[in-house]
N, C-alpha and C. Protein backbone atom coordinates (compact mmCIF):
# COMPACT_ATOMS: atom_id res chain seq x y z
N MET A 1 -14.05 -25.48 1.16
CA MET A 1 -13.12 -24.54 1.66
C MET A 1 -13.23 -23.27 0.92
N THR A 2 -13.54 -22.06 1.67
CA THR A 2 -13.70 -20.87 1.06
C THR A 2 -12.47 -20.19 0.85
N ARG A 3 -12.40 -19.45 -0.20
CA ARG A 3 -11.16 -18.75 -0.68
C ARG A 3 -10.84 -17.48 0.36
N PRO A 4 -9.67 -17.45 0.78
CA PRO A 4 -9.50 -16.19 1.69
C PRO A 4 -9.70 -14.79 0.84
N LEU A 5 -10.36 -13.89 1.37
CA LEU A 5 -10.43 -12.53 0.84
C LEU A 5 -9.25 -11.74 0.95
N ILE A 6 -8.58 -11.45 -0.18
CA ILE A 6 -7.42 -10.62 0.07
C ILE A 6 -7.60 -9.23 -0.74
N GLY A 7 -7.56 -8.18 -0.03
CA GLY A 7 -7.59 -6.66 -0.42
C GLY A 7 -6.21 -6.41 -1.10
N ILE A 8 -6.46 -5.69 -2.23
CA ILE A 8 -5.17 -5.21 -2.94
C ILE A 8 -5.47 -3.75 -3.12
N THR A 9 -4.49 -2.91 -2.70
CA THR A 9 -4.71 -1.36 -2.77
C THR A 9 -4.24 -1.04 -4.18
N THR A 10 -4.82 0.05 -4.59
CA THR A 10 -4.53 0.73 -5.93
C THR A 10 -4.76 2.24 -5.92
N SER A 11 -4.42 2.91 -6.86
CA SER A 11 -4.85 4.22 -7.00
C SER A 11 -6.07 4.37 -7.72
N ASP A 12 -6.78 5.52 -7.57
CA ASP A 12 -7.85 5.80 -8.29
C ASP A 12 -7.62 6.36 -9.66
N TYR A 13 -6.59 6.90 -9.97
CA TYR A 13 -6.18 7.74 -11.18
C TYR A 13 -5.07 7.18 -12.08
N LYS A 14 -4.36 6.10 -11.49
CA LYS A 14 -3.16 5.63 -12.32
C LYS A 14 -3.52 4.23 -12.95
N SER A 15 -2.64 3.92 -13.77
CA SER A 15 -2.74 2.69 -14.47
C SER A 15 -2.84 1.42 -13.55
N ARG A 16 -3.63 0.59 -13.87
CA ARG A 16 -3.83 -0.70 -12.98
C ARG A 16 -3.35 -1.88 -13.47
N ILE A 17 -2.20 -1.59 -14.46
CA ILE A 17 -1.55 -2.91 -14.95
C ILE A 17 -0.85 -3.80 -13.87
N ALA A 18 -0.18 -3.12 -12.95
CA ALA A 18 0.40 -3.97 -11.80
C ALA A 18 -0.63 -4.58 -10.97
N TRP A 19 -1.57 -3.75 -10.67
CA TRP A 19 -2.74 -4.47 -9.92
C TRP A 19 -3.23 -5.68 -10.56
N TRP A 20 -3.41 -5.77 -11.84
CA TRP A 20 -3.88 -7.01 -12.31
C TRP A 20 -2.85 -8.22 -12.25
N PHE A 21 -1.60 -7.92 -12.26
CA PHE A 21 -0.67 -9.02 -12.01
C PHE A 21 -0.80 -9.53 -10.48
N ASP A 22 -1.03 -8.56 -9.49
CA ASP A 22 -1.25 -8.90 -8.20
C ASP A 22 -2.59 -9.73 -8.04
N TRP A 23 -3.64 -9.23 -8.86
CA TRP A 23 -4.94 -9.83 -8.73
C TRP A 23 -4.66 -11.29 -9.11
N PHE A 24 -4.12 -11.53 -10.23
CA PHE A 24 -3.96 -12.89 -10.87
C PHE A 24 -3.06 -13.88 -9.90
N ALA A 25 -2.07 -13.21 -9.30
CA ALA A 25 -1.25 -14.00 -8.34
C ALA A 25 -2.08 -14.49 -7.22
N VAL A 26 -2.89 -13.77 -6.62
CA VAL A 26 -3.75 -13.97 -5.63
C VAL A 26 -4.72 -15.12 -5.91
N TRP A 27 -5.44 -14.74 -7.17
CA TRP A 27 -6.45 -15.71 -7.59
C TRP A 27 -5.89 -17.16 -7.86
N ARG A 28 -4.69 -17.16 -8.48
CA ARG A 28 -3.93 -18.49 -8.88
C ARG A 28 -3.52 -19.24 -7.64
N HIS A 29 -3.30 -18.65 -6.62
CA HIS A 29 -2.90 -19.34 -5.43
C HIS A 29 -3.96 -19.70 -4.34
N GLY A 30 -5.26 -19.38 -4.98
CA GLY A 30 -6.37 -19.72 -4.03
C GLY A 30 -7.05 -18.76 -3.51
N GLY A 31 -6.84 -17.36 -3.53
CA GLY A 31 -7.39 -16.37 -2.76
C GLY A 31 -8.48 -15.67 -3.61
N HIS A 32 -9.25 -15.14 -3.09
CA HIS A 32 -10.24 -14.14 -3.75
C HIS A 32 -9.73 -12.61 -3.70
N PRO A 33 -9.25 -12.11 -4.73
CA PRO A 33 -8.80 -10.81 -4.62
C PRO A 33 -9.79 -9.75 -4.68
N LEU A 34 -9.64 -8.68 -4.10
CA LEU A 34 -10.46 -7.58 -3.94
C LEU A 34 -9.81 -6.24 -4.29
N ARG A 35 -10.23 -5.52 -5.18
CA ARG A 35 -9.55 -4.18 -5.49
C ARG A 35 -10.11 -2.99 -4.40
N LEU A 36 -9.14 -2.49 -3.84
CA LEU A 36 -9.42 -1.45 -2.86
C LEU A 36 -8.84 -0.16 -3.21
N SER A 37 -9.65 0.93 -3.19
CA SER A 37 -9.11 2.24 -3.62
C SER A 37 -9.74 3.30 -2.79
N PRO A 38 -9.34 4.54 -2.78
CA PRO A 38 -9.88 5.61 -1.99
C PRO A 38 -11.35 5.74 -2.32
N SER A 39 -11.81 5.55 -3.65
CA SER A 39 -13.29 5.88 -3.87
C SER A 39 -14.19 4.56 -3.72
N ARG A 40 -13.55 3.52 -3.21
CA ARG A 40 -14.54 2.39 -3.00
C ARG A 40 -14.59 2.23 -1.52
N PRO A 41 -15.82 1.77 -1.11
CA PRO A 41 -16.14 1.48 0.28
C PRO A 41 -15.27 0.26 0.69
N LEU A 42 -14.82 0.19 2.03
CA LEU A 42 -14.11 -0.87 2.34
C LEU A 42 -15.13 -2.04 2.85
N PRO A 43 -14.76 -3.36 2.48
CA PRO A 43 -15.59 -4.25 3.02
C PRO A 43 -15.33 -4.54 4.46
N ALA A 44 -16.41 -5.11 5.20
CA ALA A 44 -16.29 -5.43 6.44
C ALA A 44 -15.41 -6.31 6.92
N HIS A 45 -14.87 -7.18 6.14
CA HIS A 45 -14.01 -8.25 6.46
C HIS A 45 -12.94 -8.46 5.34
N LEU A 46 -11.74 -8.68 5.65
CA LEU A 46 -10.64 -9.12 4.76
C LEU A 46 -9.73 -10.02 5.47
N ASP A 47 -9.36 -11.09 4.75
CA ASP A 47 -8.36 -11.97 5.36
C ASP A 47 -6.90 -11.65 5.40
N GLY A 48 -6.70 -10.87 4.31
CA GLY A 48 -5.21 -10.41 4.08
C GLY A 48 -5.16 -9.29 3.28
N LEU A 49 -3.98 -8.57 3.22
CA LEU A 49 -3.81 -7.28 2.65
C LEU A 49 -2.61 -7.11 1.72
N ILE A 50 -2.68 -6.61 0.67
CA ILE A 50 -1.55 -6.44 -0.17
C ILE A 50 -1.52 -4.82 -0.52
N ILE A 51 -0.43 -4.16 -0.06
CA ILE A 51 -0.28 -2.63 -0.43
C ILE A 51 0.74 -2.74 -1.48
N GLY A 52 0.08 -2.28 -2.52
CA GLY A 52 0.97 -2.17 -3.84
C GLY A 52 1.87 -1.00 -4.17
N GLY A 53 2.58 -0.98 -5.16
CA GLY A 53 3.46 0.23 -5.47
C GLY A 53 2.68 1.31 -6.02
N GLY A 54 3.29 2.65 -6.14
CA GLY A 54 2.75 3.79 -6.67
C GLY A 54 3.46 5.03 -6.40
N ASP A 55 2.75 6.29 -6.34
CA ASP A 55 3.32 7.48 -5.93
C ASP A 55 4.15 7.25 -4.72
N ASP A 56 4.95 8.37 -4.50
CA ASP A 56 5.56 8.66 -3.21
C ASP A 56 4.73 8.86 -2.03
N ILE A 57 5.25 8.63 -0.80
CA ILE A 57 4.55 8.80 0.42
C ILE A 57 4.66 10.31 0.80
N GLN A 58 3.54 10.93 1.28
CA GLN A 58 3.60 12.28 1.67
C GLN A 58 4.80 12.43 2.72
N ALA A 59 5.71 13.43 2.54
CA ALA A 59 6.81 13.63 3.36
C ALA A 59 6.38 13.99 4.80
N HIS A 60 5.25 14.59 5.14
CA HIS A 60 4.95 14.81 6.62
C HIS A 60 4.66 13.61 7.25
N LEU A 61 4.47 12.51 6.65
CA LEU A 61 4.08 11.32 7.41
C LEU A 61 5.38 10.66 7.82
N TYR A 62 6.48 10.94 7.57
CA TYR A 62 7.85 10.44 7.96
C TYR A 62 8.70 11.48 8.37
N GLY A 63 8.32 12.71 8.53
CA GLY A 63 9.21 13.90 9.10
C GLY A 63 9.99 14.30 7.99
N GLY A 64 9.89 14.13 6.60
CA GLY A 64 10.77 14.57 5.71
C GLY A 64 10.35 16.02 5.21
N GLU A 65 11.10 16.38 4.26
CA GLU A 65 10.89 17.86 3.70
C GLU A 65 10.02 17.64 2.41
N VAL A 66 9.08 18.55 2.23
CA VAL A 66 8.18 18.42 0.97
C VAL A 66 8.97 18.69 -0.23
N GLN A 67 8.78 17.92 -1.18
CA GLN A 67 9.47 18.06 -2.41
C GLN A 67 8.48 18.37 -3.62
N LEU A 68 8.50 19.44 -4.18
CA LEU A 68 7.48 19.79 -5.06
C LEU A 68 7.66 19.02 -6.43
N ASP A 69 8.47 18.32 -6.66
CA ASP A 69 8.76 17.53 -7.89
C ASP A 69 8.38 16.07 -7.98
N VAL A 70 7.72 15.75 -6.75
CA VAL A 70 7.21 14.35 -6.70
C VAL A 70 5.56 14.38 -6.70
N ARG A 71 5.33 13.06 -7.15
CA ARG A 71 3.71 12.73 -7.19
C ARG A 71 3.42 12.18 -5.94
N VAL A 72 2.31 12.52 -5.34
CA VAL A 72 1.98 11.92 -4.11
C VAL A 72 0.33 11.64 -4.18
N ASP A 73 -0.21 10.66 -3.43
CA ASP A 73 -1.65 10.50 -3.41
C ASP A 73 -2.10 10.53 -2.05
N PRO A 74 -2.59 11.61 -1.49
CA PRO A 74 -2.94 11.72 -0.04
C PRO A 74 -4.03 10.87 0.32
N GLN A 75 -5.03 10.69 -0.67
CA GLN A 75 -6.24 9.80 -0.31
C GLN A 75 -5.75 8.31 -0.26
N ARG A 76 -4.91 7.76 -0.93
CA ARG A 76 -4.34 6.65 -0.93
C ARG A 76 -3.51 6.28 0.33
N ASP A 77 -2.60 7.34 0.75
CA ASP A 77 -2.05 7.19 1.93
C ASP A 77 -2.88 7.09 3.18
N GLU A 78 -4.00 7.82 2.98
CA GLU A 78 -4.97 7.66 4.24
C GLU A 78 -5.66 6.36 4.21
N LEU A 79 -6.00 5.90 3.17
CA LEU A 79 -6.73 4.62 3.14
C LEU A 79 -5.87 3.35 3.54
N GLU A 80 -4.61 3.49 3.09
CA GLU A 80 -3.52 2.26 3.36
C GLU A 80 -3.16 2.40 4.69
N LEU A 81 -3.06 3.62 5.34
CA LEU A 81 -2.65 3.71 6.82
C LEU A 81 -3.92 3.29 7.63
N GLU A 82 -5.13 3.54 7.19
CA GLU A 82 -6.15 3.02 8.04
C GLU A 82 -6.25 1.48 7.94
N LEU A 83 -5.84 0.82 6.87
CA LEU A 83 -6.01 -0.56 6.75
C LEU A 83 -4.84 -1.09 7.54
N ILE A 84 -3.67 -0.56 7.57
CA ILE A 84 -2.50 -1.09 8.36
C ILE A 84 -2.89 -0.87 9.83
N GLU A 85 -3.42 0.11 10.27
CA GLU A 85 -3.95 0.21 11.66
C GLU A 85 -4.94 -0.78 12.05
N ARG A 86 -5.82 -1.35 11.21
CA ARG A 86 -6.72 -2.36 11.45
C ARG A 86 -6.13 -3.70 11.49
N PHE A 87 -5.14 -3.93 10.50
CA PHE A 87 -4.74 -5.31 10.37
C PHE A 87 -3.62 -5.69 11.30
N VAL A 88 -2.46 -4.61 11.45
CA VAL A 88 -1.52 -5.00 12.42
C VAL A 88 -1.92 -5.53 13.86
N PRO A 89 -2.78 -4.94 14.64
CA PRO A 89 -3.10 -5.29 15.78
C PRO A 89 -3.83 -6.70 15.77
N LEU A 90 -4.45 -7.12 14.75
CA LEU A 90 -5.16 -8.37 14.68
C LEU A 90 -4.15 -9.54 14.29
N GLY A 91 -3.00 -9.11 13.76
CA GLY A 91 -2.16 -10.03 13.36
C GLY A 91 -2.38 -10.54 12.07
N LYS A 92 -3.05 -9.91 11.19
CA LYS A 92 -3.54 -10.34 9.86
C LYS A 92 -2.37 -10.25 8.91
N PRO A 93 -2.32 -10.93 8.00
CA PRO A 93 -1.14 -10.86 7.03
C PRO A 93 -1.12 -9.45 6.23
N VAL A 94 -0.03 -8.81 6.17
CA VAL A 94 0.01 -7.60 5.21
C VAL A 94 1.27 -7.79 4.47
N LEU A 95 1.15 -7.66 3.18
CA LEU A 95 2.39 -7.74 2.19
C LEU A 95 2.62 -6.20 1.59
N GLY A 96 3.58 -5.63 1.83
CA GLY A 96 3.87 -4.37 1.23
C GLY A 96 5.01 -4.64 -0.01
N ILE A 97 4.54 -4.08 -1.11
CA ILE A 97 5.26 -4.08 -2.35
C ILE A 97 5.73 -2.79 -2.75
N CYS A 98 7.20 -2.57 -2.76
CA CYS A 98 7.69 -1.23 -3.31
C CYS A 98 7.12 -0.26 -2.25
N ARG A 99 6.40 0.80 -2.83
CA ARG A 99 5.83 1.88 -1.91
C ARG A 99 5.07 1.16 -0.70
N GLY A 100 4.51 0.05 -1.02
CA GLY A 100 3.73 -0.46 0.37
C GLY A 100 4.71 -0.87 1.37
N ALA A 101 5.88 -1.37 1.12
CA ALA A 101 6.85 -1.69 2.14
C ALA A 101 7.41 -0.44 2.70
N GLN A 102 7.52 0.67 1.91
CA GLN A 102 7.88 1.84 2.51
C GLN A 102 6.79 2.51 3.52
N LEU A 103 5.48 2.26 3.15
CA LEU A 103 4.52 2.79 4.00
C LEU A 103 4.21 1.94 5.17
N LEU A 104 4.52 0.72 5.31
CA LEU A 104 4.58 -0.08 6.46
C LEU A 104 5.78 0.31 7.33
N ASN A 105 6.83 0.68 6.74
CA ASN A 105 8.00 1.01 7.60
C ASN A 105 7.67 2.32 8.26
N VAL A 106 7.16 3.21 7.39
CA VAL A 106 6.82 4.54 8.11
C VAL A 106 5.88 4.44 9.16
N HIS A 107 4.69 3.63 9.01
CA HIS A 107 3.76 3.38 9.96
C HIS A 107 4.21 2.80 11.25
N LEU A 108 5.15 1.86 10.96
CA LEU A 108 5.92 1.31 12.11
C LEU A 108 7.10 1.96 12.89
N GLY A 109 7.19 3.21 12.42
CA GLY A 109 8.17 4.30 12.98
C GLY A 109 9.58 4.30 12.44
N GLY A 110 9.63 3.57 11.21
CA GLY A 110 10.91 3.55 10.64
C GLY A 110 11.27 5.03 9.83
N THR A 111 12.42 5.09 9.42
CA THR A 111 12.74 6.27 8.56
C THR A 111 12.70 6.16 7.04
N LEU A 112 12.65 7.07 6.34
CA LEU A 112 12.48 6.95 4.96
C LEU A 112 13.31 8.01 4.18
N ASP A 113 14.22 7.43 3.23
CA ASP A 113 14.92 8.51 2.48
C ASP A 113 14.09 8.54 1.14
N PRO A 114 13.61 9.73 0.98
CA PRO A 114 12.78 10.04 -0.32
C PRO A 114 13.66 9.72 -1.62
N ASP A 115 14.90 10.12 -1.61
CA ASP A 115 15.55 9.89 -2.93
C ASP A 115 17.13 9.33 -2.64
N ILE A 116 17.12 8.10 -2.53
CA ILE A 116 18.27 7.61 -1.98
C ILE A 116 19.48 7.90 -2.91
N TYR A 117 19.29 8.17 -4.16
CA TYR A 117 20.37 8.43 -5.18
C TYR A 117 20.96 9.84 -4.78
N THR A 118 20.29 10.77 -4.30
CA THR A 118 20.95 11.97 -3.98
C THR A 118 21.62 12.12 -2.58
N THR A 119 21.20 11.23 -1.63
CA THR A 119 21.60 10.97 -0.22
C THR A 119 22.76 10.14 -0.15
N HIS A 120 22.88 9.16 -0.97
CA HIS A 120 23.92 8.04 -0.83
C HIS A 120 24.75 7.72 -2.10
N GLU A 121 25.94 7.92 -1.95
CA GLU A 121 26.82 7.49 -3.20
C GLU A 121 27.00 5.94 -3.27
N GLY A 122 27.33 5.64 -4.64
CA GLY A 122 27.48 4.36 -4.82
C GLY A 122 26.76 3.59 -5.75
């Protein structure tokens, strides 16, 4: 039996510590993990996708106001949105973790609060 090829997205310029935990979890449970980042060519085939955490999503992608005090990664947004567009119509599994879940929500037409602490009390 071949191990399913699972792509795990990450940034080109930030720490990859969290990525290694995702990599190990995929490997430990029988998958073949593959690092995906904006600077790497995409493989022709993937069986599953994990979109991990990271910088904020660009405000224009969800109709929000640009905030100058947040870090964004436009190249990563572009890569991950392209992957979501490939995977969703095919019914392939996609797991969004933190930022990844937010990006899936935005892609599927949901709303996003960029800073929940300033817009909601409690």
